[in-house]
Structures are given as structure tokens and as C-alpha cells.
Amino acid sequence: MADQTLTGTLKRVASDYPSRRALFVAGKLEITYSHLDYLVDFAASRLVEAGILPGYVVALTFPNTVEVRIIFPVRPNSSILFLLLW
């Protein structure tokens, strides 16, 4: 069975449609699915480097910005719980 997590879906879409637009903010930002997948993996690796391990609870505060779309899919199947606070 295919991975039904947000991360699994992103990886599948990035593989199937790497050059399609995933995020767009007029005049400011355009990110493809391939690049978004890279950014999510990069964010995940930085968390691991910082000592955030499976089972940890991490509270994040972000305004409703594109950064939330990058950090939110970070390895939800790793049992790290993210509390998103707007």
C-alpha cells in the first residue's frame, strides 16, 4: 500500500510532476514540487541535527506563511509531534 502520509504524498507528486508549481506567491515566490520536496527533506535533516528525535513534541509558531507549508510535511511518520500555533 502506498504511503498515505503528507510526506508520502509529496514524494509521490514530486516524482510524478517535479516541475509543476507547488507553491506560488505572486511577485515573490514560486516553488516546484521537486524543490518543495528538497526543502522538506532539508528542514527534516536540520531538525535531526538539532537533536529533535522521534517521540519529541515540537511547538512551532508561524504566521500563516509559506514557511508553514515547508515545515509541516516534515516526516510526520517519524512520530515527532508538531504543534502549529498561529
Protein backbone atom coordinates (compact mmCIF):
# COMPACT_ATOMS: atom_id res chain seq x y z
CA MET A 1 0.00 0.00 0.00
CA ALA A 2 1.27 3.47 -0.87
CA ASP A 3 2.41 5.82 1.88
CA GLN A 4 -0.72 7.77 2.90
CA THR A 5 1.13 10.43 4.90
CA LEU A 6 1.50 14.02 3.76
CA THR A 7 5.21 13.36 3.23
CA GLY A 8 4.49 10.24 1.19
CA THR A 9 2.03 12.13 -0.97
CA LEU A 10 4.52 14.96 -1.51
CA LYS A 11 7.24 12.49 -2.51
CA ARG A 12 4.90 10.76 -4.98
CA VAL A 13 3.73 14.05 -6.53
CA ALA A 14 7.31 15.39 -6.67
CA SER A 15 8.32 12.21 -8.50
CA ASP A 16 5.37 12.29 -10.90
CA TYR A 17 5.29 16.06 -11.53
CA PRO A 18 8.67 17.52 -10.48
CA SER A 19 8.41 20.74 -12.48
CA ARG A 20 4.82 21.62 -11.60
CA ARG A 21 4.18 24.56 -9.33
CA ALA A 22 3.58 23.58 -5.70
CA LEU A 23 3.62 27.00 -4.04
CA PHE A 24 3.14 30.41 -5.58
CA VAL A 25 3.05 33.89 -4.13
CA ALA A 26 2.60 36.45 -6.90
CA GLY A 27 5.72 38.51 -7.40
CA LYS A 28 7.57 36.85 -4.52
CA LEU A 29 7.91 33.11 -4.77
CA GLU A 30 7.41 30.10 -6.99
CA ILE A 31 8.41 26.62 -5.81
CA THR A 32 8.07 23.40 -7.80
CA TYR A 33 7.10 20.09 -6.22
CA SER A 34 10.66 18.86 -6.69
CA HIS A 35 12.10 21.87 -4.86
CA LEU A 36 9.47 21.68 -2.12
CA ASP A 37 10.39 18.03 -1.56
CA TYR A 38 14.04 19.07 -1.28
CA LEU A 39 13.19 21.86 1.21
CA VAL A 40 11.11 19.49 3.36
CA ASP A 41 13.97 16.95 3.45
CA PHE A 42 16.43 19.73 4.25
CA ALA A 43 14.25 21.01 7.12
CA ALA A 44 13.93 17.45 8.45
CA SER A 45 17.68 16.93 8.39
CA ARG A 46 18.23 20.21 10.25
CA LEU A 47 15.81 19.11 12.96
CA VAL A 48 17.65 15.81 13.36
CA GLU A 49 20.98 17.67 13.50
CA ALA A 50 19.49 19.85 16.27
CA GLY A 51 18.68 16.73 18.27
CA ILE A 52 14.95 16.53 17.56
CA LEU A 53 14.22 12.80 17.64
CA PRO A 54 11.17 10.56 17.16
CA GLY A 55 8.82 10.92 20.10
CA TYR A 56 9.67 14.57 20.73
CA VAL A 57 6.98 17.22 20.77
CA VAL A 58 7.89 20.40 18.91
CA ALA A 59 5.85 23.58 19.15
CA LEU A 60 6.21 25.95 16.22
CA THR A 61 4.86 29.44 15.93
CA PHE A 62 4.48 30.87 12.46
CA PRO A 63 2.28 33.46 10.90
CA ASN A 64 0.27 31.99 8.04
CA THR A 65 3.20 31.99 5.60
CA VAL A 66 4.79 29.73 3.04
CA GLU A 67 7.29 28.51 5.65
CA VAL A 68 4.47 26.57 7.34
CA ARG A 69 3.94 24.66 4.09
CA ILE A 70 7.60 23.65 4.15
CA ILE A 71 7.93 22.61 7.79
CA PHE A 72 4.52 20.95 8.19
CA PRO A 73 5.17 17.90 5.97
CA VAL A 74 8.49 17.17 7.68
CA ARG A 75 8.44 13.46 8.43
CA PRO A 76 5.05 13.10 10.10
CA ASN A 77 5.59 9.34 10.14
CA SER A 78 8.64 9.77 12.40
CA SER A 79 6.41 10.22 15.47
CA ILE A 80 7.64 13.77 16.04
CA LEU A 81 4.57 15.75 17.02
CA PHE A 82 4.38 19.26 15.64
CA LEU A 83 2.07 21.75 17.30
CA LEU A 84 1.44 24.57 14.86
CA LEU A 85 0.48 27.76 16.62
CA TRP A 86 -0.70 30.71 14.58
